[in-house]
Amino acid sequence: MKIKEAEERTGLTRKAIRYYEENGLIHPTQKENGYKDYDSATIQRLLIIKKLRLLDFSVTEVRLYLSGGAPSSILEEKIQCKQKELSRTRQSLRLLQKLKNGADLAHLDVEGPLLGDTLDRTQRILSGNLLFALANLCSFLVITGILIFQVTHSPAFTLPPPVLFLQCFLTVVLGLWKTRLKSKALERGVFLRMIMPAEAAMMFLLCAFTFAVAGQMVLSRIWLIHRALAQMDGSPSMTAVILLQGLCLLLYAALDLTMVVLPFTSAMRTQAEFTTGRQPTSRQPRLQDRTQR
């Protein structure tokens, strides 16, 4: 059957079915006319995937479960995760019930039962973002080392204008994209977000491309300025050339350093909503009672 019939049989959208296929969860056969055939076995597999997704399985977890590799351990991990979520929900409900019954929020210990899990999640996000930032730094060091070696052998090498234009265009697109992601996260009340694998791969490649272009421009400008100073005759045109090359050097050096430093900002605790500090609100009523007594 065609994908339209598969949609009707499974209740999944075409986008979801193709997404599962791209991630290797299903393998429909290809007909001679170019259409893909979703047989009964594929439909049954899609229905299983649908149930697992409704149980909050990630695509990676679905793949592991369907592969038959220790499904009991996967289920045990999901159960433990759900139990933690349930425990947190019950704690929130108890606190909300106390507020409903007239408890004073200023003296209610909310941080004790809820802040720990939040800080644990924050630390996991910060650790993941720091790992990406360190990988990006290593990429910068490797590419810069290669460029220094290349410039020593061919100092007069310059990049064609289309490459420079492409690099500037991609940098602008990345900046706008990251700004949009951050604004959407803040609209949902999310101060700190984990860099997803696809986003990390895209950013890593773009940063590497920027390091290559900006690094080459910086090193070539240094060589050009050095040659111009050696031939300096005091004329205004030569001075203008040196100033122009120096400005270009500063701009690309700033871009290079920005692409190195920027990922580290996502690994800073100051970007999160909560700090590790905890106000001893639960002790305040007791201190007041003792004072009254």
Protein backbone atom coordinates (compact mmCIF):
# COMPACT_ATOMS: atom_id res chain seq x y z
CA MET A 1 0.00 0.00 0.00
CA LYS A 2 1.03 3.62 -0.53
CA ILE A 3 1.92 6.10 2.21
CA LYS A 4 -1.57 7.63 2.12
CA GLU A 5 -3.10 4.27 3.03
CA ALA A 6 -0.44 3.79 5.71
CA GLU A 7 -1.51 7.11 7.21
CA GLU A 8 -5.12 5.95 7.37
CA ARG A 9 -4.24 2.53 8.82
CA THR A 10 -1.88 3.83 11.53
CA GLY A 11 -3.18 7.30 12.38
CA LEU A 12 0.32 8.70 11.83
CA THR A 13 1.11 11.67 9.65
CA ARG A 14 3.12 11.37 6.48
CA LYS A 15 5.85 13.46 8.08
CA ALA A 16 6.08 11.07 11.04
CA ILE A 17 6.21 7.97 8.81
CA ARG A 18 8.99 9.44 6.70
CA TYR A 19 10.83 10.54 9.83
CA TYR A 20 10.74 6.98 11.18
CA GLU A 21 12.00 5.71 7.84
CA GLU A 22 14.86 8.23 7.79
CA ASN A 23 15.88 7.05 11.27
CA GLY A 24 15.89 3.38 10.22
CA LEU A 25 12.83 2.30 12.23
CA ILE A 26 10.97 1.01 9.17
CA HIS A 27 12.16 -0.24 5.79
CA PRO A 28 9.42 -0.09 3.13
CA THR A 29 10.20 -1.71 -0.21
CA GLN A 30 10.71 0.36 -3.35
CA LYS A 31 8.55 -0.48 -6.34
CA GLU A 32 9.64 -0.22 -9.96
CA ASN A 33 7.48 2.87 -10.49
CA GLY A 34 9.36 4.65 -7.68
CA TYR A 35 6.61 4.45 -5.06
CA LYS A 36 7.27 2.85 -1.70
CA ASP A 37 5.21 -0.10 -0.58
CA TYR A 38 4.13 -0.31 3.05
CA ASP A 39 3.19 -3.94 3.57
CA SER A 40 1.27 -5.40 6.52
CA ALA A 41 4.48 -6.07 8.49
CA THR A 42 5.53 -2.44 8.12
CA ILE A 43 2.07 -1.29 9.21
CA GLN A 44 2.27 -3.47 12.33
CA ARG A 45 5.70 -2.07 13.07
CA LEU A 46 4.39 1.48 12.70
CA LEU A 47 1.58 0.71 15.14
CA ILE A 48 4.15 -0.58 17.66
CA ILE A 49 6.25 2.55 17.15
CA LYS A 50 3.14 4.69 17.69
CA LYS A 51 2.46 2.99 21.04
CA LEU A 52 6.06 3.35 22.15
CA ARG A 53 6.06 7.03 21.23
CA LEU A 54 2.86 7.53 23.25
CA LEU A 55 4.75 5.97 26.16
CA ASP A 56 7.33 8.77 25.77
CA PHE A 57 10.02 6.61 24.14
CA SER A 58 12.59 8.63 22.23
CA VAL A 59 13.50 7.53 18.71
CA THR A 60 16.75 6.08 20.03
CA GLU A 61 14.87 4.13 22.72
CA VAL A 62 12.37 2.88 20.13
CA ARG A 63 15.23 1.63 17.98
CA LEU A 64 16.83 -0.18 20.90
CA TYR A 65 13.54 -1.72 21.95
CA LEU A 66 12.67 -2.94 18.44
CA SER A 67 16.15 -4.35 17.95
CA GLY A 68 15.45 -6.82 20.76
CA GLY A 69 18.58 -5.86 22.68
CA ALA A 70 17.72 -6.16 26.40
CA PRO A 71 14.20 -4.67 26.28
CA SER A 72 13.76 -5.35 29.99
CA SER A 73 16.62 -2.96 30.85
CA ILE A 74 15.10 -0.28 28.63
CA LEU A 75 11.72 -0.74 30.30
CA GLU A 76 13.29 -0.67 33.74
CA GLU A 77 15.01 2.61 32.92
CA LYS A 78 11.74 4.10 31.65
CA ILE A 79 9.92 2.91 34.77
CA GLN A 80 12.50 4.53 37.04
CA CYS A 81 12.26 7.75 35.06
CA LYS A 82 8.46 7.76 35.29
CA GLN A 83 8.61 7.01 39.00
CA LYS A 84 10.81 10.06 39.53
CA GLU A 85 8.39 12.18 37.51
CA LEU A 86 5.48 10.77 39.50
CA SER A 87 7.23 11.48 42.80
CA ARG A 88 7.87 15.08 41.76
CA THR A 89 4.26 15.48 40.63
CA ARG A 90 2.98 14.14 43.95
CA GLN A 91 5.23 16.54 45.85
CA SER A 92 3.94 19.44 43.73
CA LEU A 93 0.35 18.36 44.36
CA ARG A 94 0.93 18.22 48.13
CA LEU A 95 2.40 21.72 48.12
CA LEU A 96 -0.43 23.06 45.96
CA GLN A 97 -2.97 21.48 48.30
CA LYS A 98 -1.30 23.18 51.27
CA LEU A 99 -1.55 26.52 49.47
CA LYS A 100 -5.20 25.86 48.73
CA ASN A 101 -5.78 25.09 52.41
CA GLY A 102 -4.40 28.48 53.38
CA ALA A 103 -0.68 27.87 53.94
CA ASP A 104 1.59 30.91 53.70
CA LEU A 105 3.74 30.60 50.57
CA ALA A 106 6.47 32.72 52.18
CA HIS A 107 6.89 30.02 54.87
CA LEU A 108 6.26 26.98 52.68
CA ASP A 109 9.30 24.83 51.85
CA VAL A 110 9.05 24.44 48.08
CA GLU A 111 12.76 24.35 47.35
CA GLY A 112 13.48 21.32 49.52
CA PRO A 113 11.40 18.75 47.61
CA LEU A 114 11.58 20.33 44.13
CA LEU A 115 14.79 22.31 43.68
CA GLY A 116 17.14 19.31 43.76
CA ASP A 117 15.70 17.67 40.62
CA THR A 118 15.68 20.99 38.80
CA LEU A 119 19.33 21.62 39.61
CA ASP A 120 20.24 18.07 38.52
CA ARG A 121 18.61 18.66 35.12
CA THR A 122 20.35 22.02 34.86
CA GLN A 123 23.72 20.40 35.57
CA ARG A 124 23.15 17.75 32.89
CA ILE A 125 22.33 20.45 30.36
CA LEU A 126 25.37 22.51 31.33
CA SER A 127 27.63 19.46 31.09
CA GLY A 128 26.34 18.59 27.62
CA ASN A 129 26.73 22.16 26.40
CA LEU A 130 30.25 22.35 27.89
CA LEU A 131 31.21 19.16 26.04
CA PHE A 132 30.13 20.73 22.75
CA ALA A 133 32.03 23.95 23.56
CA LEU A 134 35.22 21.98 24.28
CA ALA A 135 34.84 20.01 21.04
CA ASN A 136 34.38 23.29 19.19
CA LEU A 137 37.53 24.69 20.85
CA CYS A 138 39.52 21.62 19.76
CA SER A 139 38.26 22.15 16.22
CA PHE A 140 39.47 25.75 16.35
CA LEU A 141 42.94 24.75 17.56
CA VAL A 142 43.34 22.00 14.95
CA ILE A 143 42.15 24.17 12.05
CA THR A 144 44.30 27.11 13.18
CA GLY A 145 47.34 24.85 13.39
CA ILE A 146 46.72 23.57 9.87
CA LEU A 147 46.30 27.11 8.57
CA ILE A 148 49.54 28.28 10.18
CA PHE A 149 51.35 25.39 8.53
CA GLN A 150 49.72 26.22 5.18
CA VAL A 151 50.52 29.95 5.39
CA THR A 152 54.19 29.24 6.07
CA HIS A 153 54.35 27.40 2.74
CA SER A 154 52.00 29.63 0.72
CA PRO A 155 51.60 33.01 2.48
CA ALA A 156 50.09 34.78 -0.52
CA PHE A 157 47.10 32.41 -0.71
CA THR A 158 43.73 34.22 -0.61
CA LEU A 159 40.17 32.93 -0.63
CA PRO A 160 37.83 33.64 -3.55
CA PRO A 161 35.06 36.22 -2.84
CA PRO A 162 32.18 33.67 -3.14
CA VAL A 163 33.63 31.71 -0.21
CA LEU A 164 33.79 34.85 1.91
CA PHE A 165 30.23 35.76 0.96
CA LEU A 166 28.99 32.25 1.80
CA GLN A 167 30.71 32.35 5.19
CA CYS A 168 29.16 35.72 6.06
CA PHE A 169 25.73 34.57 4.90
CA LEU A 170 25.86 31.37 6.95
CA THR A 171 27.04 33.29 10.04
CA VAL A 172 24.08 35.66 9.77
CA VAL A 173 21.68 32.75 9.31
CA LEU A 174 23.12 30.98 12.35
CA GLY A 175 22.81 34.12 14.47
CA LEU A 176 19.17 34.65 13.47
CA TRP A 177 18.36 30.96 13.99
CA LYS A 178 19.94 30.85 17.46
CA THR A 179 18.15 34.07 18.44
CA ARG A 180 14.82 32.61 17.34
CA LEU A 181 15.41 29.39 19.28
CA LYS A 182 16.30 31.34 22.40
CA SER A 183 13.26 33.61 22.14
CA LYS A 184 10.94 30.65 21.67
CA ALA A 185 12.48 28.90 24.66
CA LEU A 186 12.02 32.00 26.82
CA GLU A 187 8.38 32.22 25.71
CA ARG A 188 7.92 28.72 27.16
CA GLY A 189 9.74 29.77 30.33
CA VAL A 190 12.88 27.76 29.45
CA PHE A 191 16.03 29.69 30.38
CA LEU A 192 18.57 27.00 29.51
CA ARG A 193 18.27 24.40 26.76
CA MET A 194 20.35 21.43 25.74
CA ILE A 195 22.02 21.62 22.34
CA MET A 196 20.34 18.84 20.36
CA PRO A 197 22.46 16.42 18.25
CA ALA A 198 21.29 17.77 14.89
CA GLU A 199 21.77 21.36 16.07
CA ALA A 200 25.19 20.49 17.49
CA ALA A 201 26.31 18.87 14.22
CA MET A 202 25.14 21.86 12.17
CA MET A 203 26.79 24.36 14.51
CA PHE A 204 30.01 22.33 14.65
CA LEU A 205 30.31 22.25 10.85
CA LEU A 206 29.50 25.94 10.50
CA CYS A 207 31.97 26.90 13.23
CA ALA A 208 34.67 24.76 11.57
CA PHE A 209 33.98 26.47 8.24
CA THR A 210 34.15 29.88 9.95
CA PHE A 211 37.44 28.96 11.67
CA ALA A 212 38.90 27.97 8.31
CA VAL A 213 37.77 31.12 6.50
CA ALA A 214 38.38 33.65 9.28
CA GLY A 215 41.68 32.06 10.30
CA GLN A 216 42.97 32.13 6.77
CA MET A 217 41.91 35.76 6.38
CA VAL A 218 43.63 36.74 9.64
CA LEU A 219 46.90 35.01 8.76
CA SER A 220 46.94 36.33 5.20
CA ARG A 221 46.23 39.89 6.44
CA ILE A 222 49.14 39.59 8.86
CA TRP A 223 51.39 38.59 5.98
CA LEU A 224 50.11 41.41 3.76
CA ILE A 225 50.56 44.03 6.51
CA HIS A 226 54.08 42.74 7.17
CA ARG A 227 54.95 43.02 3.47
CA ALA A 228 53.38 46.48 3.21
CA LEU A 229 55.37 47.72 6.22
CA ALA A 230 58.54 46.42 4.63
CA GLN A 231 57.76 48.43 1.48
CA MET A 232 56.46 51.46 3.38
CA ASP A 233 57.31 54.68 1.52
CA GLY A 234 55.16 57.05 3.58
CA SER A 235 52.62 57.64 0.81
CA PRO A 236 48.94 58.09 1.78
CA SER A 237 47.85 55.20 -0.45
CA MET A 238 50.22 52.75 1.28
CA THR A 239 49.02 53.96 4.69
CA ALA A 240 45.40 53.47 3.61
CA VAL A 241 46.18 49.93 2.45
CA ILE A 242 47.76 49.07 5.79
CA LEU A 243 44.82 50.53 7.72
CA LEU A 244 42.32 48.69 5.55
CA GLN A 245 44.12 45.38 5.96
CA GLY A 246 44.38 45.99 9.72
CA LEU A 247 40.64 46.63 9.96
CA CYS A 248 39.94 43.44 8.01
CA LEU A 249 42.29 41.54 10.33
CA LEU A 250 40.50 42.83 13.45
CA LEU A 251 37.04 42.01 12.08
CA TYR A 252 37.91 38.41 11.21
CA ALA A 253 39.85 37.91 14.42
CA ALA A 254 36.79 39.10 16.38
CA LEU A 255 34.58 36.72 14.38
CA ASP A 256 36.97 33.84 15.03
CA LEU A 257 37.05 34.46 18.78
CA THR A 258 33.28 34.97 18.92
CA MET A 259 32.65 31.55 17.40
CA VAL A 260 34.99 30.05 20.00
CA VAL A 261 33.57 31.85 23.04
CA LEU A 262 29.87 31.81 22.13
CA PRO A 263 29.28 28.07 22.80
CA PHE A 264 30.78 28.44 26.27
CA THR A 265 28.04 30.93 27.21
CA SER A 266 25.50 28.09 26.96
CA ALA A 267 27.53 26.19 29.56
CA MET A 268 27.51 29.00 32.13
CA ARG A 269 25.36 28.55 35.22
CA THR A 270 24.36 32.21 35.05
CA GLN A 271 22.25 31.31 31.99
CA ALA A 272 20.04 29.05 34.12
CA GLU A 273 16.96 30.14 36.04
CA PHE A 274 17.95 28.85 39.47
CA THR A 275 21.23 28.90 41.37
CA THR A 276 22.48 26.33 43.86
CA GLY A 277 21.54 28.58 46.75
CA ARG A 278 18.52 27.69 48.87
CA GLN A 279 16.68 30.00 51.22
CA PRO A 280 15.81 28.33 54.54
CA THR A 281 12.14 29.20 54.27
CA SER A 282 11.02 26.13 56.21
CA ARG A 283 12.85 27.30 59.32
CA GLN A 284 11.33 30.75 59.45
CA PRO A 285 8.03 29.75 61.12
CA ARG A 286 9.91 27.82 63.82
CA LEU A 287 12.11 30.81 64.59
CA GLN A 288 9.06 33.03 64.82
CA ASP A 289 7.30 30.56 67.13
CA ARG A 290 10.33 30.50 69.41
CA THR A 291 10.40 34.29 69.50
CA GLN A 292 6.72 34.43 70.43
CA ARG A 293 7.22 31.87 73.16
